[in-house]
């Protein structure tokens, strides 16, 4: 797995302070952390269509 931030190598870690029942992915280059909840939220935000905002002129 490659890091979305720096394209570095992601390693699987068990970190009970983040999630006691699952593993996380940590980039060994930049330290970015991804877990199942982060991935789920990332997928949801990509699927959502943002409404255009109105600007006051």
PDB file of N, CA and C in Angstrom:
ATOM      1  N   UNK A   1       0.849  -1.169   0.000  1.00  0.00           N
ATOM      2  CA  UNK A   1       0.000   0.000   0.000  1.00  0.00           C
ATOM      3  C   UNK A   1       0.897   1.236   0.000  1.00  0.00           C
ATOM      4  N   UNK A   2       0.520   2.233  -0.773  1.00  0.00           N
ATOM      5  CA  UNK A   2       1.306   3.460  -0.837  1.00  0.00           C
ATOM      6  C   UNK A   2       0.540   4.607  -0.183  1.00  0.00           C
ATOM      7  N   UNK A   3       1.272   5.529   0.377  1.00  0.00           N
ATOM      8  CA  UNK A   3       0.723   6.684   1.075  1.00  0.00           C
ATOM      9  C   UNK A   3       0.127   7.664   0.062  1.00  0.00           C
ATOM     10  N   UNK A   4      -1.060   8.167   0.372  1.00  0.00           N
ATOM     11  CA  UNK A   4      -1.690   9.155  -0.515  1.00  0.00           C
ATOM     12  C   UNK A   4      -0.982  10.491  -0.439  1.00  0.00           C
ATOM     13  N   UNK A   5      -0.345  10.785   0.677  1.00  0.00           N
ATOM     14  CA  UNK A   5       0.299  12.079   0.872  1.00  0.00           C
ATOM     15  C   UNK A   5       1.650  12.155   0.163  1.00  0.00           C
ATOM     16  N   UNK A   6       2.522  11.131   0.382  1.00  0.00           N
ATOM     17  CA  UNK A   6       3.889  11.230  -0.142  1.00  0.00           C
ATOM     18  C   UNK A   6       4.278  10.067  -1.060  1.00  0.00           C
ATOM     19  N   UNK A   7       3.367   9.143  -1.289  1.00  0.00           N
ATOM     20  CA  UNK A   7       3.605   7.950  -2.117  1.00  0.00           C
ATOM     21  C   UNK A   7       4.614   6.998  -1.479  1.00  0.00           C
ATOM     22  N   UNK A   8       4.832   7.127  -0.169  1.00  0.00           N
ATOM     23  CA  UNK A   8       5.763   6.265   0.552  1.00  0.00           C
ATOM     24  C   UNK A   8       5.133   4.928   0.918  1.00  0.00           C
ATOM     25  N   UNK A   9       5.913   4.106   1.595  1.00  0.00           N
ATOM     26  CA  UNK A   9       5.482   2.767   1.992  1.00  0.00           C
ATOM     27  C   UNK A   9       4.634   2.828   3.257  1.00  0.00           C
ATOM     28  N   UNK A  10       3.458   2.199   3.225  1.00  0.00           N
ATOM     29  CA  UNK A  10       2.588   2.102   4.389  1.00  0.00           C
ATOM     30  C   UNK A  10       2.810   0.740   5.040  1.00  0.00           C
ATOM     31  N   UNK A  11       2.914   0.728   6.376  1.00  0.00           N
ATOM     32  CA  UNK A  11       3.070  -0.512   7.125  1.00  0.00           C
ATOM     33  C   UNK A  11       1.875  -0.665   8.066  1.00  0.00           C
ATOM     34  N   UNK A  12       1.502  -1.918   8.299  1.00  0.00           N
ATOM     35  CA  UNK A  12       0.372  -2.207   9.175  1.00  0.00           C
ATOM     36  C   UNK A  12       0.851  -2.277  10.618  1.00  0.00           C
ATOM     37  N   UNK A  13       0.128  -1.610  11.520  1.00  0.00           N
ATOM     38  CA  UNK A  13       0.477  -1.590  12.942  1.00  0.00           C
ATOM     39  C   UNK A  13      -0.761  -1.823  13.773  1.00  0.00           C
ATOM     40  N   UNK A  14      -0.569  -2.451  14.916  1.00  0.00           N
ATOM     41  CA  UNK A  14      -1.647  -2.548  15.888  1.00  0.00           C
ATOM     42  C   UNK A  14      -1.420  -1.473  16.916  1.00  0.00           C
ATOM     43  N   UNK A  15      -2.330  -0.519  16.996  1.00  0.00           N
ATOM     44  CA  UNK A  15      -2.206   0.596  17.939  1.00  0.00           C
ATOM     45  C   UNK A  15      -3.483   0.664  18.764  1.00  0.00           C
ATOM     46  N   UNK A  16      -3.496   0.052  19.940  1.00  0.00           N
ATOM     47  CA  UNK A  16      -4.728   0.034  20.741  1.00  0.00           C
ATOM     48  C   UNK A  16      -5.201   1.417  21.164  1.00  0.00           C
ATOM     49  N   UNK A  17      -4.325   2.431  21.169  1.00  0.00           N
ATOM     50  CA  UNK A  17      -4.755   3.779  21.514  1.00  0.00           C
ATOM     51  C   UNK A  17      -5.642   4.395  20.431  1.00  0.00           C
ATOM     52  N   UNK A  18      -5.504   3.949  19.177  1.00  0.00           N
ATOM     53  CA  UNK A  18      -6.364   4.419  18.093  1.00  0.00           C
ATOM     54  C   UNK A  18      -7.628   3.589  17.988  1.00  0.00           C
ATOM     55  N   UNK A  19      -7.468   2.279  17.893  1.00  0.00           N
ATOM     56  CA  UNK A  19      -8.595   1.385  17.719  1.00  0.00           C
ATOM     57  C   UNK A  19      -8.228   0.026  18.301  1.00  0.00           C
ATOM     58  N   UNK A  20      -8.837  -0.367  19.411  1.00  0.00           N
ATOM     59  CA  UNK A  20      -8.420  -1.603  20.084  1.00  0.00           C
ATOM     60  C   UNK A  20      -8.705  -2.875  19.301  1.00  0.00           C
ATOM     61  N   UNK A  21      -9.631  -2.843  18.357  1.00  0.00           N
ATOM     62  CA  UNK A  21      -9.971  -4.081  17.665  1.00  0.00           C
ATOM     63  C   UNK A  21      -9.477  -4.166  16.230  1.00  0.00           C
ATOM     64  N   UNK A  22      -8.761  -3.174  15.754  1.00  0.00           N
ATOM     65  CA  UNK A  22      -8.292  -3.249  14.376  1.00  0.00           C
ATOM     66  C   UNK A  22      -6.902  -2.631  14.241  1.00  0.00           C
ATOM     67  N   UNK A  23      -6.343  -2.804  13.074  1.00  0.00           N
ATOM     68  CA  UNK A  23      -5.007  -2.307  12.768  1.00  0.00           C
ATOM     69  C   UNK A  23      -5.107  -0.979  12.032  1.00  0.00           C
ATOM     70  N   UNK A  24      -4.025  -0.231  12.051  1.00  0.00           N
ATOM     71  CA  UNK A  24      -3.927   1.005  11.291  1.00  0.00           C
ATOM     72  C   UNK A  24      -2.797   0.854  10.275  1.00  0.00           C
ATOM     73  N   UNK A  25      -2.774   1.744   9.305  1.00  0.00           N
ATOM     74  CA  UNK A  25      -1.671   1.824   8.349  1.00  0.00           C
ATOM     75  C   UNK A  25      -0.925   3.115   8.640  1.00  0.00           C
ATOM     76  N   UNK A  26       0.421   3.031   8.746  1.00  0.00           N
ATOM     77  CA  UNK A  26       1.254   4.204   9.004  1.00  0.00           C
ATOM     78  C   UNK A  26       2.329   4.281   7.938  1.00  0.00           C
ATOM     79  N   UNK A  27       2.535   5.470   7.397  1.00  0.00           N
ATOM     80  CA  UNK A  27       3.570   5.687   6.392  1.00  0.00           C
ATOM     81  C   UNK A  27       4.915   5.804   7.090  1.00  0.00           C
ATOM     82  N   UNK A  28       5.893   5.052   6.619  1.00  0.00           N
ATOM     83  CA  UNK A  28       7.211   5.128   7.249  1.00  0.00           C
ATOM     84  C   UNK A  28       7.998   6.354   6.794  1.00  0.00           C
ATOM     85  N   UNK A  29       7.531   7.044   5.745  1.00  0.00           N
ATOM     86  CA  UNK A  29       8.217   8.264   5.283  1.00  0.00           C
ATOM     87  C   UNK A  29       7.708   9.513   5.980  1.00  0.00           C
ATOM     88  N   UNK A  30       6.394   9.753   5.931  1.00  0.00           N
ATOM     89  CA  UNK A  30       5.855  11.008   6.460  1.00  0.00           C
ATOM     90  C   UNK A  30       5.059  10.833   7.748  1.00  0.00           C
ATOM     91  N   UNK A  31       4.740   9.596   8.130  1.00  0.00           N
ATOM     92  CA  UNK A  31       4.027   9.354   9.371  1.00  0.00           C
ATOM     93  C   UNK A  31       2.520   9.452   9.279  1.00  0.00           C
ATOM     94  N   UNK A  32       1.978   9.603   8.078  1.00  0.00           N
ATOM     95  CA  UNK A  32       0.524   9.674   7.923  1.00  0.00           C
ATOM     96  C   UNK A  32      -0.107   8.381   8.432  1.00  0.00           C
ATOM     97  N   UNK A  33      -1.262   8.514   9.083  1.00  0.00           N
ATOM     98  CA  UNK A  33      -1.949   7.365   9.654  1.00  0.00           C
ATOM     99  C   UNK A  33      -3.311   7.217   9.002  1.00  0.00           C
ATOM    100  N   UNK A  34      -3.654   5.984   8.650  1.00  0.00           N
ATOM    101  CA  UNK A  34      -4.950   5.663   8.083  1.00  0.00           C
ATOM    102  C   UNK A  34      -5.495   4.446   8.809  1.00  0.00           C
ATOM    103  N   UNK A  35      -6.765   4.513   9.209  1.00  0.00           N
ATOM    104  CA  UNK A  35      -7.423   3.366   9.816  1.00  0.00           C
ATOM    105  C   UNK A  35      -8.752   3.144   9.092  1.00  0.00           C
ATOM    106  N   UNK A  36      -9.495   2.088   9.420  1.00  0.00           N
ATOM    107  CA  UNK A  36     -10.750   1.831   8.707  1.00  0.00           C
ATOM    108  C   UNK A  36     -11.752   2.985   8.783  1.00  0.00           C
ATOM    109  N   UNK A  37     -11.827   3.675   9.903  1.00  0.00           N
ATOM    110  CA  UNK A  37     -12.759   4.794  10.022  1.00  0.00           C
ATOM    111  C   UNK A  37     -12.347   5.959   9.126  1.00  0.00           C
ATOM    112  N   UNK A  38     -11.064   6.256   9.081  1.00  0.00           N
ATOM    113  CA  UNK A  38     -10.577   7.318   8.203  1.00  0.00           C
ATOM    114  C   UNK A  38     -10.876   6.978   6.746  1.00  0.00           C
ATOM    115  N   UNK A  39     -10.622   5.736   6.349  1.00  0.00           N
ATOM    116  CA  UNK A  39     -10.900   5.311   4.970  1.00  0.00           C
ATOM    117  C   UNK A  39     -12.387   5.417   4.648  1.00  0.00           C
ATOM    118  N   UNK A  40     -13.239   4.990   5.578  1.00  0.00           N
ATOM    119  CA  UNK A  40     -14.686   5.051   5.374  1.00  0.00           C
ATOM    120  C   UNK A  40     -15.130   6.498   5.171  1.00  0.00           C
ATOM    121  N   UNK A  41     -14.667   7.394   6.030  1.00  0.00           N
ATOM    122  CA  UNK A  41     -15.032   8.805   5.901  1.00  0.00           C
ATOM    123  C   UNK A  41     -14.480   9.431   4.628  1.00  0.00           C
ATOM    124  N   UNK A  42     -13.300   9.021   4.227  1.00  0.00           N
ATOM    125  CA  UNK A  42     -12.706   9.533   2.989  1.00  0.00           C
ATOM    126  C   UNK A  42     -13.547   9.118   1.778  1.00  0.00           C
ATOM    127  N   UNK A  43     -13.995   7.858   1.771  1.00  0.00           N
ATOM    128  CA  UNK A  43     -14.838   7.389   0.674  1.00  0.00           C
ATOM    129  C   UNK A  43     -16.173   8.130   0.641  1.00  0.00           C
ATOM    130  N   UNK A  44     -16.765   8.355   1.812  1.00  0.00           N
ATOM    131  CA  UNK A  44     -18.026   9.092   1.863  1.00  0.00           C
ATOM    132  C   UNK A  44     -17.871  10.509   1.334  1.00  0.00           C
ATOM    133  N   UNK A  45     -16.792  11.180   1.713  1.00  0.00           N
ATOM    134  CA  UNK A  45     -16.605  12.557   1.267  1.00  0.00           C
ATOM    135  C   UNK A  45     -16.333  12.637  -0.233  1.00  0.00           C
ATOM    136  N   UNK A  46     -15.719  11.608  -0.814  1.00  0.00           N
ATOM    137  CA  UNK A  46     -15.477  11.600  -2.253  1.00  0.00           C
ATOM    138  C   UNK A  46     -16.772  11.390  -3.023  1.00  0.00           C
ATOM    139  N   UNK A  47     -17.720  10.673  -2.425  1.00  0.00           N
ATOM    140  CA  UNK A  47     -18.985  10.391  -3.106  1.00  0.00           C
ATOM    141  C   UNK A  47     -19.950  11.568  -3.049  1.00  0.00           C
ATOM    142  N   UNK A  48     -19.791  12.407  -2.041  1.00  0.00           N
ATOM    143  CA  UNK A  48     -20.706  13.529  -1.869  1.00  0.00           C
ATOM    144  C   UNK A  48     -20.441  14.583  -2.947  1.00  0.00           C
ATOM    145  N   UNK A  49     -21.500  15.117  -3.471  1.00  0.00           N
ATOM    146  CA  UNK A  49     -21.390  16.183  -4.461  1.00  0.00           C
ATOM    147  C   UNK A  49     -21.538  17.495  -3.721  1.00  0.00           C
ATOM    148  N   UNK A  50     -20.529  18.341  -3.817  1.00  0.00           N
ATOM    149  CA  UNK A  50     -20.577  19.614  -3.123  1.00  0.00           C
ATOM    150  C   UNK A  50     -21.462  20.586  -3.906  1.00  0.00           C
ATOM    151  N   UNK A  51     -22.289  21.287  -3.146  1.00  0.00           N
ATOM    152  CA  UNK A  51     -23.152  22.290  -3.736  1.00  0.00           C
ATOM    153  C   UNK A  51     -22.339  23.571  -3.956  1.00  0.00           C
ATOM    154  N   UNK A  52     -22.578  24.242  -5.054  1.00  0.00           N
ATOM    155  CA  UNK A  52     -21.867  25.508  -5.266  1.00  0.00           C
ATOM    156  C   UNK A  52     -22.293  26.536  -4.211  1.00  0.00           C
ATOM    157  N   UNK A  53     -21.354  27.312  -3.742  1.00  0.00           N
ATOM    158  CA  UNK A  53     -21.662  28.334  -2.746  1.00  0.00           C
ATOM    159  C   UNK A  53     -21.893  29.659  -3.432  1.00  0.00           C
ATOM    160  N   UNK A  54     -22.785  30.441  -2.852  1.00  0.00           N
ATOM    161  CA  UNK A  54     -23.067  31.769  -3.393  1.00  0.00           C
ATOM    162  C   UNK A  54     -22.138  32.773  -2.756  1.00  0.00           C
ATOM    163  N   UNK A  55     -21.681  33.689  -3.537  1.00  0.00           N
ATOM    164  CA  UNK A  55     -20.810  34.733  -2.983  1.00  0.00           C
ATOM    165  C   UNK A  55     -21.563  36.057  -3.008  1.00  0.00           C
ATOM    166  N   UNK A  56     -21.343  36.825  -1.969  1.00  0.00           N
ATOM    167  CA  UNK A  56     -21.974  38.154  -1.908  1.00  0.00           C
ATOM    168  C   UNK A  56     -21.193  39.115  -2.806  1.00  0.00           C
ATOM    169  N   UNK A  57     -21.917  39.747  -3.692  1.00  0.00           N
ATOM    170  CA  UNK A  57     -21.238  40.685  -4.601  1.00  0.00           C
ATOM    171  C   UNK A  57     -21.898  42.027  -4.569  1.00  0.00           C
TER     172      UNK A  57
END
